[in-house]
């Protein structure tokens, strides 16, 4: 504070520091948008932050397996955390039935759980079921609690199975007076579930044999979907995604995220909105290819990935990249082989690379080995020559190499094939620019309403130059000296008197980005023999 001198002598006045510390923004906070567990998701259409797959299971119910609804989001989130991710948001969408034969598709109804009545009990599945994915409830070791009426079998053991999930409840009774072992307390109701697979609702009055009309030692019931989809029905609708990208949506209010994914969804309408949203939020969209896209076009009704890329189905933007093909893994419910969209895995690779090397390093190469996969789908296997074709138009391939495994082997954005966007051809260059934009956007709010003159300009330059210097020391830019690697301008040449009168201060930040060594050329020459003296 100012000093008021009253006596002869020396006074000390502490001056405030005009420079403001700039904190680097996050680089790999991922957002996943798509259909989550239809019966266990706690909040629909709301961006929920998670830090592990256990968080996802608690908020969105975890994995499920169904012929009618692909579990793309859970699989992608799991791949993200397994491959290096640590911070994410999930926006869960509720699946409904739509008649896709109508134009536009018409809503037919909600995705409802299966329910079966056995004796005096209504069992309701907490998992989506169909003919190939059932919840089975086995009731065995039936006993009578009343020796006077031995035919009244009301105590039993329950075994509930859904794929690889097995739950066992012993000595369960239908008698409401047996509080601890009463079926509603042991297995749980829809309002207070205990089992993760089924809920129960005992009927009143009780049947003579509450566990079935025929007294047997074992009763078994399989819960399946009561009303399967017709041939023209689908659980996917592009209209479900549109509200997420609107202004003032829950996701729009998230202060910062860097990566956006719609796992398994490649529809043009959804991708276009996602890319526009990313451009507004300084984020990057990791796009999945159509599931049926192939490397060579072999197969009935299948298209080559370059035909898909060159067609009107893939929107073009510097804020996105497409990765091909789908990956092979195991269904966590059934253990059977399944195909998974690559975006969740690639997002994890982005996060791992950012942590180990920095956002300026291209998330590709032999160090980007993907985990929890057994390779790429057969229709997506690439040769060097074929990748040379698709690489030039912005298709980033995942490839399997002997002795190495499956790796990300491409680092180009969606506009790589357009020479007008040459400066944004590489993923790492574009993401580096977005990182700087997000960092400066969130660290320079202190400038607002400050006096617009030389002291402010000096303070701005000092703050930004200090931050850029810290990045230069980490090897984030090209150039052997800081003056070659980056420049910061904020003075009377960038901010004129007219700008000052309008309340504007102009800051110019330029950097020399690192670009990946995409093509390594080795030149071999033969040395001529030396003449003998």
Protein backbone atom coordinates (compact mmCIF):
# COMPACT_ATOMS: atom_id res chain seq x y z
CA UNK A 1 0.00 0.00 0.00
CA UNK A 2 1.20 3.61 -0.53
CA UNK A 3 3.59 5.01 2.08
CA UNK A 4 2.96 8.39 3.78
CA UNK A 5 6.39 9.78 4.77
CA UNK A 6 6.51 11.74 8.03
CA UNK A 7 10.03 11.35 9.32
CA UNK A 8 13.40 11.55 7.64
CA UNK A 9 14.59 8.11 6.70
CA UNK A 10 14.03 5.13 4.38
CA UNK A 11 10.61 3.70 3.65
CA UNK A 12 9.72 0.37 1.98
CA UNK A 13 6.77 0.03 -0.37
CA UNK A 14 5.80 -3.37 -1.82
CA UNK A 15 4.69 -3.10 -5.44
CA UNK A 16 2.18 -5.53 -7.00
CA UNK A 17 3.41 -7.83 -9.73
CA UNK A 18 2.00 -6.75 -13.08
CA UNK A 19 2.47 -10.22 -14.57
CA UNK A 20 -0.21 -12.86 -14.09
CA UNK A 21 0.59 -16.55 -13.98
CA UNK A 22 -1.01 -18.56 -16.79
CA UNK A 23 -2.05 -22.10 -15.95
CA UNK A 24 -2.12 -24.62 -18.78
CA UNK A 25 -5.57 -25.88 -19.73
CA UNK A 26 -6.43 -29.56 -19.69
CA UNK A 27 -5.88 -31.39 -22.96
CA UNK A 28 -7.68 -34.75 -22.78
CA UNK A 29 -10.99 -34.33 -20.95
CA UNK A 30 -13.30 -36.48 -23.09
CA UNK A 31 -17.07 -36.28 -23.61
CA UNK A 32 -19.06 -39.38 -24.57
CA UNK A 33 -22.58 -38.98 -25.99
CA UNK A 34 -24.88 -41.91 -26.73
CA UNK A 35 -27.32 -44.51 -25.48
CA UNK A 36 -26.55 -45.76 -22.00
CA UNK A 37 -28.16 -48.49 -19.90
CA UNK A 38 -31.93 -48.12 -20.48
CA UNK A 39 -32.93 -49.13 -16.94
CA UNK A 40 -30.03 -48.05 -14.70
CA UNK A 41 -28.99 -44.61 -15.94
CA UNK A 42 -29.60 -42.07 -13.18
CA UNK A 43 -29.78 -38.88 -15.27
CA UNK A 44 -30.77 -38.51 -18.91
CA UNK A 45 -29.34 -35.79 -21.16
CA UNK A 46 -27.12 -34.39 -18.41
CA UNK A 47 -23.31 -34.18 -18.59
CA UNK A 48 -22.03 -36.27 -15.66
CA UNK A 49 -18.33 -36.17 -14.80
CA UNK A 50 -16.56 -39.47 -14.12
CA UNK A 51 -12.96 -40.41 -13.31
CA UNK A 52 -13.07 -44.20 -13.73
CA UNK A 53 -15.20 -46.95 -15.19
CA UNK A 54 -16.45 -47.68 -11.68
CA UNK A 55 -17.92 -44.17 -11.69
CA UNK A 56 -19.60 -44.99 -14.99
CA UNK A 57 -21.10 -48.18 -13.57
CA UNK A 58 -22.49 -46.29 -10.61
CA UNK A 59 -24.02 -43.48 -12.68
CA UNK A 60 -24.99 -45.31 -15.88
CA UNK A 61 -25.31 -48.99 -14.97
CA UNK A 62 -22.24 -50.39 -16.74
CA UNK A 63 -22.24 -52.96 -19.54
CA UNK A 64 -25.24 -54.63 -21.11
CA UNK A 65 -25.73 -56.86 -24.15
CA UNK A 66 -28.67 -56.74 -26.56
CA UNK A 67 -29.56 -57.54 -30.16
CA UNK A 68 -31.56 -54.32 -30.40
CA UNK A 69 -29.36 -51.78 -28.64
CA UNK A 70 -25.56 -51.75 -29.05
CA UNK A 71 -23.65 -50.88 -25.89
CA UNK A 72 -21.26 -48.50 -27.69
CA UNK A 73 -20.89 -45.93 -24.91
CA UNK A 74 -19.95 -48.31 -22.09
CA UNK A 75 -17.46 -50.11 -24.33
CA UNK A 76 -15.91 -46.80 -25.44
CA UNK A 77 -15.68 -45.41 -21.90
CA UNK A 78 -14.03 -48.61 -20.71
CA UNK A 79 -11.50 -48.46 -23.57
CA UNK A 80 -10.79 -44.80 -22.79
CA UNK A 81 -9.80 -45.52 -19.19
CA UNK A 82 -7.92 -48.73 -20.04
CA UNK A 83 -5.79 -46.96 -22.67
CA UNK A 84 -4.76 -43.93 -20.63
CA UNK A 85 -7.76 -41.66 -20.05
CA UNK A 86 -8.52 -40.28 -16.60
CA UNK A 87 -11.19 -37.57 -16.89
CA UNK A 88 -14.48 -37.66 -18.80
CA UNK A 89 -18.08 -36.55 -19.05
CA UNK A 90 -20.92 -38.78 -20.22
CA UNK A 91 -24.25 -37.60 -21.62
CA UNK A 92 -26.62 -40.58 -21.51
CA UNK A 93 -29.46 -40.76 -24.03
CA UNK A 94 -32.63 -42.81 -23.52
CA UNK A 95 -33.29 -45.34 -26.26
CA UNK A 96 -36.78 -45.59 -27.71
CA UNK A 97 -38.32 -47.48 -30.63
CA UNK A 98 -38.60 -45.57 -33.91
CA UNK A 99 -40.26 -46.68 -37.14
CA UNK A 100 -37.56 -45.86 -39.69
CA UNK A 101 -39.85 -46.70 -42.60
CA UNK A 102 -41.64 -43.39 -41.99
CA UNK A 103 -40.19 -40.05 -43.09
CA UNK A 104 -39.33 -38.61 -40.65
CA UNK A 105 -39.05 -41.69 -38.38
CA UNK A 106 -41.91 -41.92 -35.91
CA UNK A 107 -41.64 -42.70 -32.22
CA UNK A 108 -43.22 -46.04 -31.36
CA UNK A 109 -42.55 -46.43 -27.65
CA UNK A 110 -40.08 -46.71 -24.81
CA UNK A 111 -37.54 -49.46 -24.27
CA UNK A 112 -39.30 -51.39 -21.47
CA UNK A 113 -37.91 -54.11 -19.17
CA UNK A 114 -39.13 -57.67 -19.47
CA UNK A 115 -41.40 -59.01 -16.72
CA UNK A 116 -42.60 -62.55 -15.94
CA UNK A 117 -44.99 -63.78 -13.24
CA UNK A 118 -44.13 -67.05 -11.52
CA UNK A 119 -46.51 -68.19 -8.84
CA UNK A 120 -46.95 -65.26 -6.50
CA UNK A 121 -43.99 -63.24 -7.72
CA UNK A 122 -43.48 -60.79 -10.58
CA UNK A 123 -39.84 -60.83 -11.72
CA UNK A 124 -38.69 -57.76 -13.69
CA UNK A 125 -35.35 -57.71 -15.49
CA UNK A 126 -32.95 -54.86 -14.83
CA UNK A 127 -31.11 -55.67 -18.07
CA UNK A 128 -32.28 -55.35 -21.69
CA UNK A 129 -33.23 -58.83 -22.88
CA UNK A 130 -34.06 -60.62 -26.12
CA UNK A 131 -34.04 -64.15 -27.47
CA UNK A 132 -30.23 -64.31 -27.34
CA UNK A 133 -29.70 -62.35 -24.12
CA UNK A 134 -31.87 -63.54 -21.27
CA UNK A 135 -31.97 -63.15 -17.53
CA UNK A 136 -32.65 -66.57 -16.02
CA UNK A 137 -33.93 -67.04 -12.51
CA UNK A 138 -33.55 -70.54 -11.04
CA UNK A 139 -35.46 -71.39 -7.86
CA UNK A 140 -34.31 -74.55 -6.13
CA UNK A 141 -34.11 -76.28 -2.72
CA UNK A 142 -37.74 -75.48 -2.02
CA UNK A 143 -38.71 -76.01 1.59
CA UNK A 144 -41.76 -75.49 3.76
CA UNK A 145 -41.63 -73.05 6.65
CA UNK A 146 -44.83 -74.48 8.17
CA UNK A 147 -44.56 -78.15 9.23
CA UNK A 148 -48.36 -78.33 9.57
CA UNK A 149 -48.78 -77.45 5.87
CA UNK A 150 -45.77 -79.10 4.19
CA UNK A 151 -47.22 -78.43 0.72
CA UNK A 152 -46.75 -74.71 1.29
CA UNK A 153 -43.26 -74.34 -0.16
CA UNK A 154 -42.19 -70.78 0.57
CA UNK A 155 -38.43 -70.99 1.27
CA UNK A 156 -35.97 -71.40 -1.61
CA UNK A 157 -32.55 -70.57 -3.01
CA UNK A 158 -32.34 -68.18 -5.99
CA UNK A 159 -29.68 -68.21 -8.71
CA UNK A 160 -29.90 -65.32 -11.18
CA UNK A 161 -27.76 -65.34 -14.33
CA UNK A 162 -27.15 -62.74 -17.04
CA UNK A 163 -24.28 -63.66 -19.32
CA UNK A 164 -21.19 -63.91 -17.09
CA UNK A 165 -22.96 -62.26 -14.14
CA UNK A 166 -24.21 -64.68 -11.48
CA UNK A 167 -26.00 -63.84 -8.24
CA UNK A 168 -27.07 -66.30 -5.54
CA UNK A 169 -29.55 -65.66 -2.71
CA UNK A 170 -30.12 -68.46 -0.20
CA UNK A 171 -33.03 -69.19 2.16
CA UNK A 172 -35.29 -66.58 0.65
CA UNK A 173 -38.87 -66.68 1.86
CA UNK A 174 -42.15 -65.30 0.56
CA UNK A 175 -43.33 -64.85 4.16
CA UNK A 176 -43.43 -61.08 4.93
CA UNK A 177 -43.04 -61.81 8.66
CA UNK A 178 -39.51 -63.15 8.06
CA UNK A 179 -38.10 -59.66 7.76
CA UNK A 180 -34.44 -60.32 7.00
CA UNK A 181 -35.06 -63.13 4.50
CA UNK A 182 -38.26 -61.74 3.01
CA UNK A 183 -37.93 -61.76 -0.77
CA UNK A 184 -38.51 -58.01 -1.12
CA UNK A 185 -35.65 -57.32 1.30
CA UNK A 186 -33.24 -59.95 -0.03
CA UNK A 187 -33.63 -59.42 -3.79
CA UNK A 188 -35.13 -55.94 -3.79
CA UNK A 189 -37.92 -54.01 -5.46
CA UNK A 190 -37.92 -51.43 -8.22
CA UNK A 191 -37.81 -48.68 -5.58
CA UNK A 192 -35.14 -50.38 -3.49
CA UNK A 193 -33.13 -52.84 -5.63
CA UNK A 194 -30.60 -55.22 -4.10
CA UNK A 195 -29.95 -57.52 -7.02
CA UNK A 196 -28.33 -55.84 -10.04
CA UNK A 197 -30.21 -58.16 -12.40
CA UNK A 198 -33.87 -58.39 -11.29
CA UNK A 199 -36.44 -56.88 -8.98
CA UNK A 200 -39.42 -58.66 -7.42
CA UNK A 201 -42.97 -57.68 -6.59
CA UNK A 202 -44.83 -60.29 -4.49
CA UNK A 203 -48.51 -60.65 -5.24
CA UNK A 204 -51.28 -60.71 -2.65
CA UNK A 205 -53.00 -62.90 -1.75
CA UNK A 206 -50.35 -65.60 -2.03
CA UNK A 207 -50.90 -68.74 -4.05
CA UNK A 208 -50.81 -72.05 -2.28
CA UNK A 209 -47.44 -72.64 -3.90
CA UNK A 210 -45.89 -69.17 -4.18
CA UNK A 211 -42.98 -70.33 -6.37
CA UNK A 212 -45.04 -72.04 -9.08
CA UNK A 213 -48.21 -73.90 -9.79
CA UNK A 214 -46.43 -77.27 -9.81
CA UNK A 215 -44.46 -78.35 -6.79
CA UNK A 216 -40.98 -79.27 -8.03
CA UNK A 217 -37.53 -79.08 -6.58
CA UNK A 218 -36.43 -76.70 -9.32
CA UNK A 219 -38.39 -73.95 -11.06
CA UNK A 220 -36.70 -71.83 -13.72
CA UNK A 221 -37.87 -68.79 -15.59
CA UNK A 222 -36.15 -66.85 -18.38
CA UNK A 223 -37.00 -63.18 -18.76
CA UNK A 224 -37.07 -62.11 -22.41
CA UNK A 225 -38.28 -59.05 -24.26
CA UNK A 226 -42.05 -59.23 -24.44
CA UNK A 227 -42.43 -57.21 -27.65
CA UNK A 228 -39.41 -57.59 -29.97
CA UNK A 229 -38.75 -54.98 -32.63
CA UNK A 230 -40.31 -55.29 -36.04
CA UNK A 231 -38.22 -55.23 -39.21
CA UNK A 232 -38.74 -51.50 -39.72
CA UNK A 233 -38.06 -50.40 -36.14
CA UNK A 234 -34.80 -49.04 -34.76
CA UNK A 235 -33.57 -47.83 -31.37
CA UNK A 236 -31.39 -45.14 -33.02
CA UNK A 237 -32.57 -41.66 -33.97
CA UNK A 238 -30.41 -38.67 -34.91
CA UNK A 239 -33.00 -36.45 -33.24
CA UNK A 240 -31.95 -37.86 -29.85
CA UNK A 241 -28.52 -36.22 -30.19
CA UNK A 242 -29.57 -32.77 -31.37
CA UNK A 243 -30.55 -31.28 -27.95
CA UNK A 244 -27.10 -32.07 -26.52
CA UNK A 245 -25.43 -29.63 -28.94
CA UNK A 246 -27.84 -26.76 -28.37
CA UNK A 247 -26.87 -23.53 -26.65
CA UNK A 248 -27.37 -23.62 -22.86
CA UNK A 249 -27.54 -27.41 -22.81
CA UNK A 250 -25.97 -29.24 -19.88
CA UNK A 251 -22.88 -30.01 -21.98
CA UNK A 252 -22.66 -26.43 -23.26
CA UNK A 253 -22.32 -25.29 -19.64
CA UNK A 254 -19.33 -27.57 -18.95
CA UNK A 255 -16.43 -25.11 -18.48
CA UNK A 256 -13.85 -27.07 -20.46
CA UNK A 257 -13.51 -30.32 -22.36
CA UNK A 258 -11.16 -31.25 -25.19
CA UNK A 259 -12.37 -34.40 -26.93
CA UNK A 260 -15.88 -35.25 -28.12
CA UNK A 261 -17.10 -38.72 -29.12
CA UNK A 262 -20.38 -40.22 -30.32
CA UNK A 263 -19.26 -43.88 -30.16
CA UNK A 264 -20.54 -46.03 -32.99
CA UNK A 265 -22.53 -43.18 -34.58
CA UNK A 266 -21.32 -41.95 -37.97
CA UNK A 267 -24.51 -40.36 -39.30
CA UNK A 268 -23.84 -37.16 -41.21
CA UNK A 269 -26.44 -35.16 -39.27
CA UNK A 270 -24.95 -36.07 -35.89
CA UNK A 271 -21.32 -35.64 -37.00
CA UNK A 272 -22.01 -32.23 -38.52
CA UNK A 273 -23.61 -30.94 -35.32
CA UNK A 274 -20.83 -32.44 -33.21
CA UNK A 275 -18.14 -30.75 -35.31
CA UNK A 276 -19.92 -27.38 -35.21
CA UNK A 277 -20.21 -27.72 -31.44
CA UNK A 278 -16.49 -28.54 -31.15
CA UNK A 279 -15.56 -25.50 -33.24
CA UNK A 280 -17.55 -23.32 -30.85
CA UNK A 281 -16.03 -24.93 -27.74
CA UNK A 282 -12.38 -25.18 -28.96
CA UNK A 283 -12.63 -28.97 -28.76
CA UNK A 284 -11.73 -31.88 -31.07
CA UNK A 285 -14.11 -34.53 -32.46
CA UNK A 286 -12.89 -38.14 -32.74
CA UNK A 287 -15.09 -39.74 -35.38
CA UNK A 288 -15.93 -43.38 -35.96
CA UNK A 289 -16.32 -44.73 -39.51
CA UNK A 290 -19.47 -46.52 -40.65
CA UNK A 291 -19.34 -50.03 -39.22
CA UNK A 292 -19.70 -51.59 -42.69
CA UNK A 293 -16.80 -49.62 -44.25
CA UNK A 294 -13.99 -51.80 -45.57
CA UNK A 295 -10.40 -51.39 -46.68
CA UNK A 296 -10.90 -52.93 -50.13
CA UNK A 297 -14.66 -52.86 -50.81
CA UNK A 298 -14.89 -56.65 -50.82
CA UNK A 299 -18.26 -57.96 -49.66
CA UNK A 300 -21.88 -57.53 -50.65
CA UNK A 301 -23.23 -54.04 -50.00
CA UNK A 302 -19.97 -52.79 -48.46
CA UNK A 303 -18.11 -49.62 -49.41
CA UNK A 304 -14.43 -48.81 -49.42
CA UNK A 305 -13.48 -46.32 -46.74
CA UNK A 306 -12.10 -43.90 -49.35
CA UNK A 307 -15.48 -43.86 -51.10
CA UNK A 308 -17.11 -43.03 -47.77
CA UNK A 309 -14.55 -40.30 -47.09
CA UNK A 310 -14.84 -38.70 -50.52
CA UNK A 311 -18.63 -38.84 -50.49
CA UNK A 312 -21.05 -36.42 -48.90
CA UNK A 313 -21.47 -38.52 -45.75
CA UNK A 314 -18.35 -37.31 -43.92
CA UNK A 315 -18.37 -33.60 -42.95
CA UNK A 316 -15.02 -31.82 -43.21
CA UNK A 317 -13.52 -29.76 -40.39
CA UNK A 318 -10.07 -29.04 -38.96
CA UNK A 319 -11.51 -29.85 -35.51
CA UNK A 320 -11.99 -33.54 -36.17
CA UNK A 321 -10.32 -36.77 -37.26
CA UNK A 322 -11.65 -40.12 -38.44
CA UNK A 323 -10.15 -43.45 -37.34
CA UNK A 324 -10.62 -46.74 -39.18
CA UNK A 325 -11.45 -49.65 -38.81
CA UNK A 326 -13.45 -51.23 -35.99
CA UNK A 327 -11.54 -53.29 -33.43
CA UNK A 328 -12.05 -56.81 -32.14
CA UNK A 329 -12.58 -57.43 -28.45
CA UNK A 330 -14.64 -59.59 -26.09
CA UNK A 331 -18.17 -58.92 -24.91
CA UNK A 332 -17.81 -58.29 -21.15
CA UNK A 333 -21.24 -59.88 -20.58
CA UNK A 334 -21.11 -63.00 -22.74
CA UNK A 335 -17.37 -63.36 -23.34
CA UNK A 336 -18.01 -63.78 -27.07
CA UNK A 337 -16.02 -61.89 -29.73
CA UNK A 338 -17.48 -58.48 -30.60
CA UNK A 339 -16.60 -55.48 -32.74
CA UNK A 340 -16.07 -52.14 -31.00
CA UNK A 341 -15.91 -48.65 -32.47
CA UNK A 342 -12.34 -47.26 -32.38
CA UNK A 343 -13.05 -43.76 -30.99
CA UNK A 344 -12.97 -44.65 -27.27
CA UNK A 345 -9.66 -46.46 -27.65
CA UNK A 346 -8.17 -43.60 -29.66
CA UNK A 347 -9.30 -41.04 -27.06
CA UNK A 348 -7.42 -43.05 -24.44
CA UNK A 349 -4.33 -43.00 -26.69
CA UNK A 350 -4.67 -39.21 -26.98
CA UNK A 351 -4.72 -38.92 -23.19
CA UNK A 352 -1.76 -41.28 -22.74
CA UNK A 353 0.31 -39.39 -25.32
CA UNK A 354 -0.56 -36.03 -23.77
CA UNK A 355 0.61 -37.27 -20.37
CA UNK A 356 3.79 -38.98 -21.53
CA UNK A 357 4.90 -36.59 -24.27
CA UNK A 358 2.62 -33.56 -24.57
CA UNK A 359 -0.29 -32.41 -26.72
CA UNK A 360 2.22 -31.36 -29.40
CA UNK A 361 3.21 -35.00 -30.01
CA UNK A 362 1.13 -36.76 -32.68
CA UNK A 363 -0.95 -39.52 -30.99
CA UNK A 364 0.29 -42.19 -33.38
CA UNK A 365 3.20 -44.53 -33.91
CA UNK A 366 4.51 -47.78 -32.51
CA UNK A 367 4.32 -46.50 -28.92
CA UNK A 368 0.51 -46.18 -29.17
CA UNK A 369 -0.23 -49.87 -28.63
CA UNK A 370 -3.93 -50.30 -27.91
CA UNK A 371 -5.08 -52.43 -24.99
CA UNK A 372 -8.02 -54.82 -24.54
CA UNK A 373 -8.32 -55.66 -28.23
CA UNK A 374 -7.30 -58.61 -30.35
CA UNK A 375 -6.64 -56.62 -33.51
CA UNK A 376 -8.70 -54.99 -36.23
CA UNK A 377 -11.67 -56.52 -38.03
CA UNK A 378 -10.72 -58.55 -41.09
CA UNK A 379 -12.52 -56.21 -43.51
CA UNK A 380 -10.36 -53.33 -42.26
CA UNK A 381 -6.90 -54.83 -42.67
CA UNK A 382 -4.63 -52.46 -44.58
CA UNK A 383 -1.59 -52.84 -46.79
CA UNK A 384 1.02 -50.10 -47.06
CA UNK A 385 -0.08 -49.21 -50.59
CA UNK A 386 -3.76 -49.04 -49.67
CA UNK A 387 -3.04 -46.90 -46.61
CA UNK A 388 -1.05 -44.59 -48.86
CA UNK A 389 -4.30 -43.87 -50.68
CA UNK A 390 -6.58 -43.28 -47.69
CA UNK A 391 -3.96 -41.43 -45.64
CA UNK A 392 -3.88 -38.58 -48.16
CA UNK A 393 -7.63 -37.98 -47.75
CA UNK A 394 -7.62 -37.95 -43.95
CA UNK A 395 -8.36 -41.55 -42.91
CA UNK A 396 -6.28 -42.51 -39.88
CA UNK A 397 -5.73 -46.26 -39.79
CA UNK A 398 -5.32 -48.61 -36.88
CA UNK A 399 -3.02 -51.41 -37.94
CA UNK A 400 -1.66 -54.60 -36.46
CA UNK A 401 2.08 -55.26 -36.88
CA UNK A 402 3.87 -58.53 -35.99
CA UNK A 403 5.71 -58.29 -32.70
CA UNK A 404 4.18 -54.91 -31.93
CA UNK A 405 0.43 -55.32 -31.71
CA UNK A 406 -2.31 -52.96 -32.84
CA UNK A 407 -1.34 -49.29 -32.98
CA UNK A 408 -2.69 -45.98 -34.22
CA UNK A 409 -0.92 -45.35 -37.52
CA UNK A 410 -2.34 -42.07 -38.78
CA UNK A 411 -2.33 -38.46 -37.56
CA UNK A 412 -4.35 -36.36 -40.00
CA UNK A 413 -7.47 -34.23 -39.58
CA UNK A 414 -10.63 -34.40 -41.69
CA UNK A 415 -9.36 -31.55 -43.93
CA UNK A 416 -6.02 -33.19 -44.70
CA UNK A 417 -6.97 -33.67 -48.34
CA UNK A 418 -7.78 -29.98 -48.83
CA UNK A 419 -4.71 -27.88 -49.65
CA UNK A 420 -6.53 -24.75 -48.45
CA UNK A 421 -6.23 -26.13 -44.90
CA UNK A 422 -2.60 -27.24 -45.17
CA UNK A 423 -1.70 -25.59 -41.85
CA UNK A 424 -4.25 -27.79 -40.03
CA UNK A 425 -3.41 -31.05 -41.77
CA UNK A 426 -2.07 -32.79 -38.66
CA UNK A 427 -4.00 -33.69 -35.52
CA UNK A 428 -1.21 -32.62 -33.18
CA UNK A 429 -0.88 -29.16 -34.79
CA UNK A 430 -4.61 -28.49 -34.57
CA UNK A 431 -4.86 -29.75 -31.00
CA UNK A 432 -1.85 -27.62 -30.01
CA UNK A 433 -3.62 -24.52 -31.34
CA UNK A 434 -6.83 -25.48 -29.49
CA UNK A 435 -4.81 -25.99 -26.31
CA UNK A 436 -3.33 -22.48 -26.59
CA UNK A 437 -6.77 -21.01 -27.35
CA UNK A 438 -8.39 -22.68 -24.34
CA UNK A 439 -5.48 -21.73 -22.06
CA UNK A 440 -5.40 -18.06 -23.02
CA UNK A 441 -9.19 -17.77 -23.10
CA UNK A 442 -9.43 -18.89 -19.48
CA UNK A 443 -6.38 -17.08 -18.12
CA UNK A 444 -6.80 -13.59 -19.52
CA UNK A 445 -10.17 -12.64 -18.03
CA UNK A 446 -8.29 -10.36 -15.61
CA UNK A 447 -7.62 -8.06 -18.58
CA UNK A 448 -11.28 -7.11 -18.93
CA UNK A 449 -11.98 -3.52 -17.76
CA UNK A 450 -8.29 -2.74 -17.13
CA UNK A 451 -7.04 0.64 -18.50
CA UNK A 452 -6.23 0.02 -22.16
CA UNK A 453 -2.73 1.50 -22.47
CA UNK A 454 0.95 0.62 -22.43
CA UNK A 455 1.12 -0.73 -18.83
CA UNK A 456 -1.64 -3.24 -19.64
CA UNK A 457 0.02 -4.25 -22.91
CA UNK A 458 3.33 -4.86 -21.18
CA UNK A 459 1.63 -6.94 -18.51
CA UNK A 460 -0.19 -9.03 -21.11
CA UNK A 461 3.01 -9.66 -23.09
CA UNK A 462 4.95 -10.57 -19.96
CA UNK A 463 2.31 -13.09 -18.85
CA UNK A 464 1.93 -14.80 -22.22
CA UNK A 465 5.66 -14.83 -22.99
CA UNK A 466 6.34 -16.52 -19.65
CA UNK A 467 3.81 -19.25 -20.47
CA UNK A 468 5.08 -19.73 -24.02
CA UNK A 469 8.65 -19.92 -22.71
CA UNK A 470 7.67 -22.73 -20.36
CA UNK A 471 6.26 -24.66 -23.34
CA UNK A 472 9.39 -23.94 -25.40
CA UNK A 473 11.53 -25.42 -22.61
CA UNK A 474 9.40 -28.59 -22.81
CA UNK A 475 10.13 -28.88 -26.52
CA UNK A 476 6.66 -27.87 -27.71
CA UNK A 477 7.75 -25.71 -30.65
CA UNK A 478 10.08 -25.73 -33.62
CA UNK A 479 13.09 -23.44 -33.52
CA UNK A 480 16.48 -23.27 -31.87
CA UNK A 481 15.73 -19.97 -30.13
CA UNK A 482 12.59 -18.59 -28.46
CA UNK A 483 12.33 -15.75 -30.99
CA UNK A 484 12.06 -18.30 -33.79
CA UNK A 485 9.73 -20.62 -31.86
CA UNK A 486 7.06 -18.08 -30.83
CA UNK A 487 6.13 -14.41 -30.84
CA UNK A 488 3.78 -12.35 -28.68
CA UNK A 489 2.66 -8.90 -29.78
CA UNK A 490 0.48 -6.49 -27.84
CA UNK A 491 1.34 -2.82 -28.33
CA UNK A 492 0.38 0.24 -30.33
CA UNK A 493 0.95 -1.65 -33.58
CA UNK A 494 -1.75 -4.22 -32.74
CA UNK A 495 -4.10 -1.90 -30.84
CA UNK A 496 -4.81 1.43 -32.53
CA UNK A 497 -6.52 4.45 -31.03
CA UNK A 498 -9.71 3.42 -32.80
CA UNK A 499 -9.49 0.03 -31.06
CA UNK A 500 -8.95 1.76 -27.73
CA UNK A 501 -12.00 3.96 -28.31
CA UNK A 502 -14.03 0.81 -29.00
CA UNK A 503 -12.69 -0.92 -25.86
CA UNK A 504 -10.62 -3.46 -27.80
CA UNK A 505 -7.14 -4.75 -27.05
CA UNK A 506 -5.59 -6.96 -29.72
CA UNK A 507 -3.10 -9.71 -28.85
CA UNK A 508 -1.20 -11.66 -31.49
CA UNK A 509 0.32 -14.98 -30.43
CA UNK A 510 2.23 -16.91 -33.11
CA UNK A 511 3.99 -20.26 -32.73
CA UNK A 512 6.02 -22.61 -34.89
CA UNK A 513 4.32 -26.00 -34.46
CA UNK A 514 6.06 -29.32 -34.38
CA UNK A 515 4.95 -31.52 -37.26
CA UNK A 516 5.27 -35.31 -37.22
CA UNK A 517 7.90 -37.09 -39.30
CA UNK A 518 5.19 -38.85 -41.28
CA UNK A 519 7.40 -40.04 -44.12
CA UNK A 520 10.88 -41.38 -43.36
CA UNK A 521 13.05 -41.67 -46.45
CA UNK A 522 16.27 -43.64 -46.25
CA UNK A 523 18.71 -43.12 -49.09
CA UNK A 524 21.18 -45.92 -49.69
CA UNK A 525 24.39 -45.29 -51.64
CA UNK A 526 27.26 -47.63 -52.41
CA UNK A 527 30.75 -46.37 -51.72
CA UNK A 528 33.24 -46.89 -54.54
CA UNK A 529 36.42 -48.78 -53.71
CA UNK A 530 39.53 -46.72 -52.98
CA UNK A 531 42.29 -46.81 -55.57
CA UNK A 532 45.50 -48.49 -54.38
CA UNK A 533 48.58 -46.22 -54.15
